[in-house]
């Protein structure tokens, strides 16, 4: 970066202030900082890297990185404009978190909470990150790849509820509809979604996933006939009546991903344009990992709220309601309360639908 010797290099506090202003205004950090400095985005990022003592990756170095979508799912990377990747040198393999704003603590904390592996931070412009993700999109968007091959085939009635999910296994599946359903579930699991929603409409069906309590569009299925076949395939997996389309049905099945069993609860409901389906994802292993060291403080509550929750949880009678949308943390909050009051001096009994995580020393009753 060329700069007049008389001009003082921007300080780290300057970039931190620009980052805060960018998030408040909805702009890109580098774009805003470049306007303030009168420099190009590349020059601005180089100055930021120098101030923050972080490496800056250009397009050539980004091209040599191997995606780590097993650590941070493609859908999450695309949504937050950040990605994890491996770089192999002569002696070691380094995992990088590539981001355009090193002062965005919320994004970095979110990733640190979910990635149980050390990584280093590197900088790249938002355009370069977007281009890198676009280049790797074809190999990771299993659902979109499966959508292109869906035709008017019939549904195989074989129940593959215990199937192992992997990109290779999905690609090898001969039935386009079976491949599409497996791909949708695979993408939802990789995105750490709590639900997969299939909503029928006059032109076909919308595919949505719920992540952190918010529904995001994940694609769509064109054609009413194909949409009906997709719902029928889900019914087969959940052992529901594929001929019944006038009343709601509930069921469940199980898949394996990366060696762990994942329970899926299915709800099919008739609507004006066909049948809608919701698949609730219960990843007990992931929940078990999240439960380690669980306290109210680790959930992010402020001190007054923590104090009030503890007082309510310790009362010998009464009712404590925890409400919120799907995926907002109700179960985790209640389990945190149970963990804190479970000292062995009292008998604690829960009634759950279903029991998502087994707590030592507590009698848990599943309800069907």
Protein backbone atom coordinates (compact mmCIF):
# COMPACT_ATOMS: atom_id res chain seq x y z
CA UNK A 1 0.00 0.00 0.00
CA UNK A 2 1.39 3.37 -0.99
CA UNK A 3 1.01 6.22 1.46
CA UNK A 4 2.66 9.60 1.83
CA UNK A 5 5.24 9.45 4.59
CA UNK A 6 3.70 12.52 6.24
CA UNK A 7 0.31 10.80 6.57
CA UNK A 8 -0.16 8.90 9.83
CA UNK A 9 -1.26 5.30 9.43
CA UNK A 10 -4.84 4.70 10.64
CA UNK A 11 -4.98 3.41 14.20
CA UNK A 12 -6.74 0.31 15.41
CA UNK A 13 -9.25 2.52 17.25
CA UNK A 14 -10.14 4.20 13.95
CA UNK A 15 -10.96 0.85 12.34
CA UNK A 16 -12.89 -0.31 15.41
CA UNK A 17 -15.03 2.84 15.20
CA UNK A 18 -15.60 2.32 11.47
CA UNK A 19 -16.65 -1.27 12.17
CA UNK A 20 -19.20 -0.17 14.74
CA UNK A 21 -20.57 2.47 12.38
CA UNK A 22 -20.76 -0.03 9.50
CA UNK A 23 -22.81 -2.51 11.53
CA UNK A 24 -25.14 0.25 12.71
CA UNK A 25 -25.71 1.50 9.15
CA UNK A 26 -25.80 -1.90 7.44
CA UNK A 27 -22.76 -1.15 5.24
CA UNK A 28 -19.64 -3.19 4.61
CA UNK A 29 -16.81 -2.32 6.98
CA UNK A 30 -14.09 -2.04 4.32
CA UNK A 31 -16.30 0.07 2.03
CA UNK A 32 -17.05 2.56 4.80
CA UNK A 33 -13.45 2.73 5.99
CA UNK A 34 -12.18 3.17 2.42
CA UNK A 35 -14.50 6.14 1.91
CA UNK A 36 -13.24 7.75 5.10
CA UNK A 37 -9.59 7.22 4.16
CA UNK A 38 -9.88 7.97 0.47
CA UNK A 39 -8.19 4.65 -0.37
CA UNK A 40 -9.15 1.59 -2.39
CA UNK A 41 -10.71 -1.39 -0.58
CA UNK A 42 -7.48 -3.38 -1.00
CA UNK A 43 -5.38 -0.57 0.45
CA UNK A 44 -7.83 -0.09 3.30
CA UNK A 45 -7.80 -3.79 4.17
CA UNK A 46 -4.00 -3.79 4.09
CA UNK A 47 -3.94 -0.86 6.52
CA UNK A 48 -6.45 -2.64 8.76
CA UNK A 49 -4.36 -5.80 8.75
CA UNK A 50 -1.28 -3.81 9.63
CA UNK A 51 -3.06 -2.06 12.51
CA UNK A 52 -4.59 -5.28 13.86
CA UNK A 53 -1.50 -7.45 13.16
CA UNK A 54 -3.54 -9.82 10.99
CA UNK A 55 -2.64 -11.32 7.60
CA UNK A 56 -4.53 -10.14 4.52
CA UNK A 57 -5.33 -12.79 1.89
CA UNK A 58 -5.51 -11.85 -1.77
CA UNK A 59 -7.38 -13.84 -4.43
CA UNK A 60 -4.36 -16.03 -5.20
CA UNK A 61 -3.89 -17.13 -1.61
CA UNK A 62 -7.62 -17.65 -1.13
CA UNK A 63 -7.59 -19.93 -4.17
CA UNK A 64 -5.15 -22.26 -2.39
CA UNK A 65 -7.37 -22.75 0.66
CA UNK A 66 -9.32 -25.99 1.13
CA UNK A 67 -12.91 -25.51 2.41
CA UNK A 68 -13.72 -26.65 5.96
CA UNK A 69 -17.48 -26.82 5.59
CA UNK A 70 -17.49 -29.71 8.05
CA UNK A 71 -16.51 -27.18 10.73
CA UNK A 72 -18.66 -24.26 9.54
CA UNK A 73 -21.50 -25.22 7.19
CA UNK A 74 -21.70 -23.58 3.79
CA UNK A 75 -25.13 -22.12 4.57
CA UNK A 76 -23.78 -20.45 7.73
CA UNK A 77 -20.69 -19.21 5.89
CA UNK A 78 -22.78 -17.68 3.12
CA UNK A 79 -25.26 -16.14 5.55
CA UNK A 80 -22.55 -14.45 7.63
CA UNK A 81 -20.06 -13.78 4.80
CA UNK A 82 -17.24 -15.63 6.55
CA UNK A 83 -15.68 -19.04 6.11
CA UNK A 84 -13.27 -21.54 7.64
CA UNK A 85 -10.62 -23.15 5.44
CA UNK A 86 -7.45 -25.21 5.72
CA UNK A 87 -4.05 -24.23 4.40
CA UNK A 88 -1.37 -26.90 4.26
CA UNK A 89 2.26 -25.81 4.39
CA UNK A 90 5.32 -28.03 4.22
CA UNK A 91 5.08 -29.02 7.87
CA UNK A 92 1.70 -28.08 9.33
CA UNK A 93 -1.95 -27.58 8.48
CA UNK A 94 -3.44 -24.25 9.57
CA UNK A 95 -7.14 -23.52 9.88
CA UNK A 96 -8.11 -19.96 8.95
CA UNK A 97 -11.22 -17.96 9.69
CA UNK A 98 -11.45 -15.55 6.76
CA UNK A 99 -13.52 -12.45 7.51
CA UNK A 100 -13.83 -8.91 6.19
CA UNK A 101 -14.23 -7.25 9.61
CA UNK A 102 -11.96 -8.39 12.47
CA UNK A 103 -13.80 -6.11 14.91
CA UNK A 104 -17.19 -7.84 14.48
CA UNK A 105 -17.07 -9.62 17.84
CA UNK A 106 -20.60 -11.03 17.50
CA UNK A 107 -19.73 -12.96 14.33
CA UNK A 108 -16.42 -14.24 15.70
CA UNK A 109 -17.93 -15.24 19.06
CA UNK A 110 -20.73 -17.09 17.27
CA UNK A 111 -18.17 -19.14 15.35
CA UNK A 112 -15.93 -19.76 18.37
CA UNK A 113 -18.94 -21.13 20.27
CA UNK A 114 -19.67 -23.69 17.52
CA UNK A 115 -16.23 -24.65 16.25
CA UNK A 116 -14.37 -26.82 18.74
CA UNK A 117 -11.04 -26.34 17.01
CA UNK A 118 -8.38 -23.60 17.14
CA UNK A 119 -8.14 -21.25 14.18
CA UNK A 120 -6.41 -18.03 13.18
CA UNK A 121 -8.10 -14.97 11.71
CA UNK A 122 -7.23 -13.63 8.26
CA UNK A 123 -8.73 -10.72 6.35
CA UNK A 124 -10.23 -10.51 2.87
CA UNK A 125 -12.65 -8.11 1.22
CA UNK A 126 -16.35 -8.96 1.19
CA UNK A 127 -16.22 -9.33 -2.62
CA UNK A 128 -13.34 -11.82 -2.41
CA UNK A 129 -15.10 -13.85 0.32
CA UNK A 130 -18.29 -13.90 -1.74
CA UNK A 131 -16.35 -15.00 -4.85
CA UNK A 132 -14.59 -17.77 -2.91
CA UNK A 133 -17.89 -19.09 -1.55
CA UNK A 134 -19.45 -18.89 -5.01
CA UNK A 135 -16.61 -20.98 -6.42
CA UNK A 136 -17.23 -23.75 -3.86
CA UNK A 137 -21.01 -23.51 -3.90
CA UNK A 138 -21.60 -26.19 -6.54
CA UNK A 139 -19.90 -28.92 -4.50
CA UNK A 140 -21.72 -28.05 -1.27
CA UNK A 141 -25.28 -27.17 -2.25
CA UNK A 142 -26.55 -30.72 -2.19
CA UNK A 143 -30.20 -29.67 -2.30
CA UNK A 144 -29.78 -27.41 -5.31
CA UNK A 145 -27.88 -30.10 -7.17
CA UNK A 146 -30.59 -32.62 -6.44
CA UNK A 147 -33.36 -30.24 -7.51
CA UNK A 148 -32.01 -30.05 -11.05
CA UNK A 149 -32.38 -33.81 -11.52
CA UNK A 150 -35.92 -34.26 -10.17
CA UNK A 151 -38.36 -35.62 -12.71
CA UNK A 152 -41.62 -37.49 -12.77
CA UNK A 153 -40.39 -40.76 -11.32
CA UNK A 154 -42.30 -42.88 -8.83
CA UNK A 155 -41.55 -43.25 -5.15
CA UNK A 156 -39.73 -46.36 -3.95
CA UNK A 157 -41.66 -47.64 -0.94
CA UNK A 158 -38.52 -48.99 0.75
CA UNK A 159 -37.94 -47.33 4.12
CA UNK A 160 -34.39 -45.97 4.27
CA UNK A 161 -34.87 -44.37 7.68
CA UNK A 162 -31.54 -45.61 8.99
CA UNK A 163 -29.53 -44.40 6.02
CA UNK A 164 -26.16 -42.73 6.41
CA UNK A 165 -26.15 -39.23 4.98
CA UNK A 166 -23.12 -38.10 2.98
CA UNK A 167 -22.56 -36.15 -0.23
CA UNK A 168 -21.16 -39.27 -1.89
CA UNK A 169 -24.09 -41.45 -0.88
CA UNK A 170 -26.61 -38.83 -2.01
CA UNK A 171 -24.95 -38.43 -5.41
CA UNK A 172 -25.01 -42.21 -5.92
CA UNK A 173 -28.77 -42.48 -5.25
CA UNK A 174 -30.64 -43.43 -8.44
CA UNK A 175 -34.05 -41.91 -7.58
CA UNK A 176 -34.12 -38.10 -8.06
CA UNK A 177 -36.85 -37.63 -5.43
CA UNK A 178 -35.06 -39.77 -2.84
CA UNK A 179 -31.87 -37.87 -3.64
CA UNK A 180 -33.66 -34.54 -3.20
CA UNK A 181 -35.16 -35.43 0.19
CA UNK A 182 -31.82 -36.74 1.47
CA UNK A 183 -30.11 -33.58 0.18
CA UNK A 184 -32.57 -31.29 1.96
CA UNK A 185 -32.03 -33.12 5.25
CA UNK A 186 -28.25 -33.14 4.75
CA UNK A 187 -28.13 -29.38 4.10
CA UNK A 188 -30.37 -28.66 7.10
CA UNK A 189 -28.12 -30.73 9.39
CA UNK A 190 -24.96 -29.07 8.10
CA UNK A 191 -26.54 -25.65 8.71
CA UNK A 192 -27.33 -26.62 12.35
CA UNK A 193 -31.02 -26.01 11.63
CA UNK A 194 -33.68 -26.91 14.17
CA UNK A 195 -36.39 -27.45 11.53
CA UNK A 196 -36.84 -28.12 7.83
CA UNK A 197 -40.07 -26.66 6.41
CA UNK A 198 -41.71 -27.62 3.11
CA UNK A 199 -44.53 -25.22 2.23
CA UNK A 200 -46.76 -25.99 -0.75
CA UNK A 201 -47.91 -23.25 -3.15
CA UNK A 202 -49.63 -23.14 -6.58
CA UNK A 203 -46.30 -23.53 -8.44
CA UNK A 204 -44.77 -26.24 -6.28
CA UNK A 205 -43.14 -26.01 -2.86
CA UNK A 206 -40.83 -23.67 -0.93
CA UNK A 207 -37.94 -25.14 1.08
CA UNK A 208 -37.02 -23.31 4.29
CA UNK A 209 -34.73 -24.02 7.24
CA UNK A 210 -34.95 -22.54 10.73
CA UNK A 211 -31.57 -21.47 12.14
CA UNK A 212 -31.32 -19.65 15.48
CA UNK A 213 -35.11 -19.28 15.51
CA UNK A 214 -35.34 -17.59 12.09
CA UNK A 215 -36.68 -19.17 8.88
CA UNK A 216 -34.42 -18.82 5.84
CA UNK A 217 -35.25 -19.76 2.24
CA UNK A 218 -33.16 -22.73 1.08
CA UNK A 219 -34.63 -23.32 -2.38
CA UNK A 220 -37.86 -24.40 -3.99
CA UNK A 221 -39.41 -27.33 -5.83
CA UNK A 222 -41.08 -26.53 -9.15
CA UNK A 223 -44.22 -28.45 -10.04
CA UNK A 224 -47.10 -29.74 -7.91
CA UNK A 225 -46.47 -33.36 -8.94
CA UNK A 226 -42.85 -33.28 -7.78
CA UNK A 227 -43.87 -31.58 -4.53
CA UNK A 228 -46.38 -34.36 -3.85
CA UNK A 229 -43.70 -37.00 -4.50
CA UNK A 230 -41.36 -35.30 -2.03
CA UNK A 231 -44.03 -35.34 0.69
CA UNK A 232 -44.79 -38.98 -0.12
CA UNK A 233 -41.11 -39.86 0.28
CA UNK A 234 -41.06 -38.18 3.70
CA UNK A 235 -44.19 -40.14 4.65
CA UNK A 236 -42.47 -43.39 3.65
CA UNK A 237 -39.48 -42.55 5.84
CA UNK A 238 -41.73 -41.69 8.79
CA UNK A 239 -43.96 -44.76 8.21
CA UNK A 240 -47.07 -42.66 7.57
CA UNK A 241 -50.04 -43.40 5.30
CA UNK A 242 -49.08 -42.07 1.85
CA UNK A 243 -52.68 -42.46 0.61
CA UNK A 244 -54.14 -40.23 3.34
CA UNK A 245 -54.00 -36.54 2.37
CA UNK A 246 -56.99 -35.10 4.22
CA UNK A 247 -55.87 -35.24 7.86
CA UNK A 248 -52.64 -34.28 9.65
CA UNK A 249 -50.13 -37.05 10.40
CA UNK A 250 -47.17 -37.26 12.75
CA UNK A 251 -44.24 -39.65 12.67
CA UNK A 252 -40.51 -39.94 13.12
CA UNK A 253 -37.41 -41.58 11.69
CA UNK A 254 -33.67 -41.57 12.20
CA UNK A 255 -30.60 -40.85 10.08
CA UNK A 256 -26.85 -41.07 10.70
CA UNK A 257 -24.44 -38.24 9.95
CA UNK A 258 -20.72 -38.31 10.74
CA UNK A 259 -21.21 -41.44 12.85
CA UNK A 260 -23.94 -40.09 15.13
CA UNK A 261 -27.67 -40.87 15.19
CA UNK A 262 -30.05 -37.96 14.65
CA UNK A 263 -33.78 -38.18 15.36
CA UNK A 264 -36.21 -36.48 12.98
CA UNK A 265 -39.84 -35.80 13.91
CA UNK A 266 -42.22 -35.34 11.01
CA UNK A 267 -45.49 -33.43 10.88
CA UNK A 268 -47.55 -33.46 7.67
CA UNK A 269 -50.52 -31.12 7.40
CA UNK A 270 -53.03 -30.62 4.55
CA UNK A 271 -53.18 -27.09 3.10
CA UNK A 272 -55.06 -25.43 0.25
CA UNK A 273 -52.33 -26.13 -2.34
CA UNK A 274 -51.37 -29.62 -1.15
CA UNK A 275 -49.62 -30.95 1.93
CA UNK A 276 -47.06 -29.07 4.00
CA UNK A 277 -44.37 -30.92 5.93
CA UNK A 278 -42.15 -29.95 8.85
CA UNK A 279 -39.16 -32.02 9.95
CA UNK A 280 -37.98 -31.26 13.48
CA UNK A 281 -34.29 -32.07 13.94
CA UNK A 282 -33.20 -33.51 17.30
CA UNK A 283 -29.42 -33.84 17.30
CA UNK A 284 -28.84 -35.22 20.79
CA UNK A 285 -25.07 -35.41 20.41
CA UNK A 286 -24.85 -31.73 19.49
CA UNK A 287 -27.15 -30.88 22.38
CA UNK A 288 -25.00 -32.97 24.72
CA UNK A 289 -21.94 -31.01 23.61
CA UNK A 290 -23.78 -27.74 24.24
CA UNK A 291 -24.84 -28.93 27.71
CA UNK A 292 -21.31 -29.35 29.04
CA UNK A 293 -20.64 -26.65 31.61
CA UNK A 294 -24.11 -25.21 31.04
CA UNK A 295 -25.10 -22.32 33.33
CA UNK A 296 -27.33 -19.30 33.01
CA UNK A 297 -24.26 -17.13 32.45
CA UNK A 298 -23.10 -19.21 29.48
CA UNK A 299 -26.48 -18.61 27.84
CA UNK A 300 -25.82 -14.86 27.75
CA UNK A 301 -28.39 -13.63 30.29
CA UNK A 302 -27.56 -10.40 32.10
CA UNK A 303 -27.00 -10.45 35.88
CA UNK A 304 -30.50 -9.27 36.97
CA UNK A 305 -32.14 -11.90 34.77
CA UNK A 306 -29.82 -14.65 36.05
CA UNK A 307 -30.57 -13.68 39.64
CA UNK A 308 -34.34 -13.73 39.01
CA UNK A 309 -34.22 -17.06 37.15
CA UNK A 310 -32.27 -18.70 39.97
CA UNK A 311 -34.72 -17.44 42.58
CA UNK A 312 -37.68 -18.78 40.60
CA UNK A 313 -36.02 -22.14 39.83
CA UNK A 314 -35.32 -22.77 43.53
CA UNK A 315 -38.87 -22.17 44.74
CA UNK A 316 -40.53 -25.40 46.02
CA UNK A 317 -43.80 -24.69 44.19
CA UNK A 318 -45.30 -22.54 41.47
CA UNK A 319 -44.97 -22.30 37.70
CA UNK A 320 -42.05 -20.98 35.66
CA UNK A 321 -42.85 -20.52 31.95
CA UNK A 322 -40.11 -20.32 29.32
CA UNK A 323 -41.62 -19.30 25.98
CA UNK A 324 -40.31 -18.46 22.54
CA UNK A 325 -40.24 -19.65 18.92
CA UNK A 326 -38.73 -22.93 17.78
CA UNK A 327 -34.97 -22.94 18.13
CA UNK A 328 -34.86 -19.95 20.47
CA UNK A 329 -33.37 -21.90 23.40
CA UNK A 330 -36.32 -22.94 25.58
CA UNK A 331 -35.07 -26.49 26.19
CA UNK A 332 -31.52 -25.31 26.80
CA UNK A 333 -32.72 -22.71 29.31
CA UNK A 334 -34.82 -25.26 31.21
CA UNK A 335 -31.97 -27.78 31.25
CA UNK A 336 -29.68 -25.06 32.59
CA UNK A 337 -32.15 -24.46 35.42
CA UNK A 338 -32.38 -28.18 36.19
CA UNK A 339 -28.59 -28.54 36.15
CA UNK A 340 -28.19 -25.71 38.67
CA UNK A 341 -30.79 -27.01 41.16
CA UNK A 342 -29.87 -30.70 40.86
CA UNK A 343 -27.82 -31.25 44.03
CA UNK A 344 -29.21 -34.67 44.97
CA UNK A 345 -31.11 -33.43 48.04
CA UNK A 346 -34.48 -33.41 46.25
CA UNK A 347 -36.15 -35.69 43.74
CA UNK A 348 -36.67 -34.04 40.37
CA UNK A 349 -39.07 -35.49 37.79
CA UNK A 350 -39.56 -34.12 34.27
CA UNK A 351 -42.26 -34.83 31.68
CA UNK A 352 -40.89 -34.15 28.20
CA UNK A 353 -41.85 -34.60 24.55
CA UNK A 354 -39.34 -35.98 23.75
CA UNK A 355 -36.44 -36.33 26.19
CA UNK A 356 -33.78 -34.48 24.20
CA UNK A 357 -30.89 -34.92 26.64
CA UNK A 358 -30.42 -37.28 29.59
CA UNK A 359 -29.62 -35.50 32.86
CA UNK A 360 -27.86 -37.50 35.57
CA UNK A 361 -29.81 -37.83 38.81
CA UNK A 362 -33.12 -36.69 37.32
CA UNK A 363 -36.12 -38.90 36.49
CA UNK A 364 -37.17 -37.99 32.95
CA UNK A 365 -40.47 -39.24 31.54
CA UNK A 366 -41.00 -39.19 27.76
CA UNK A 367 -44.50 -38.40 26.49
CA UNK A 368 -45.79 -39.63 23.16
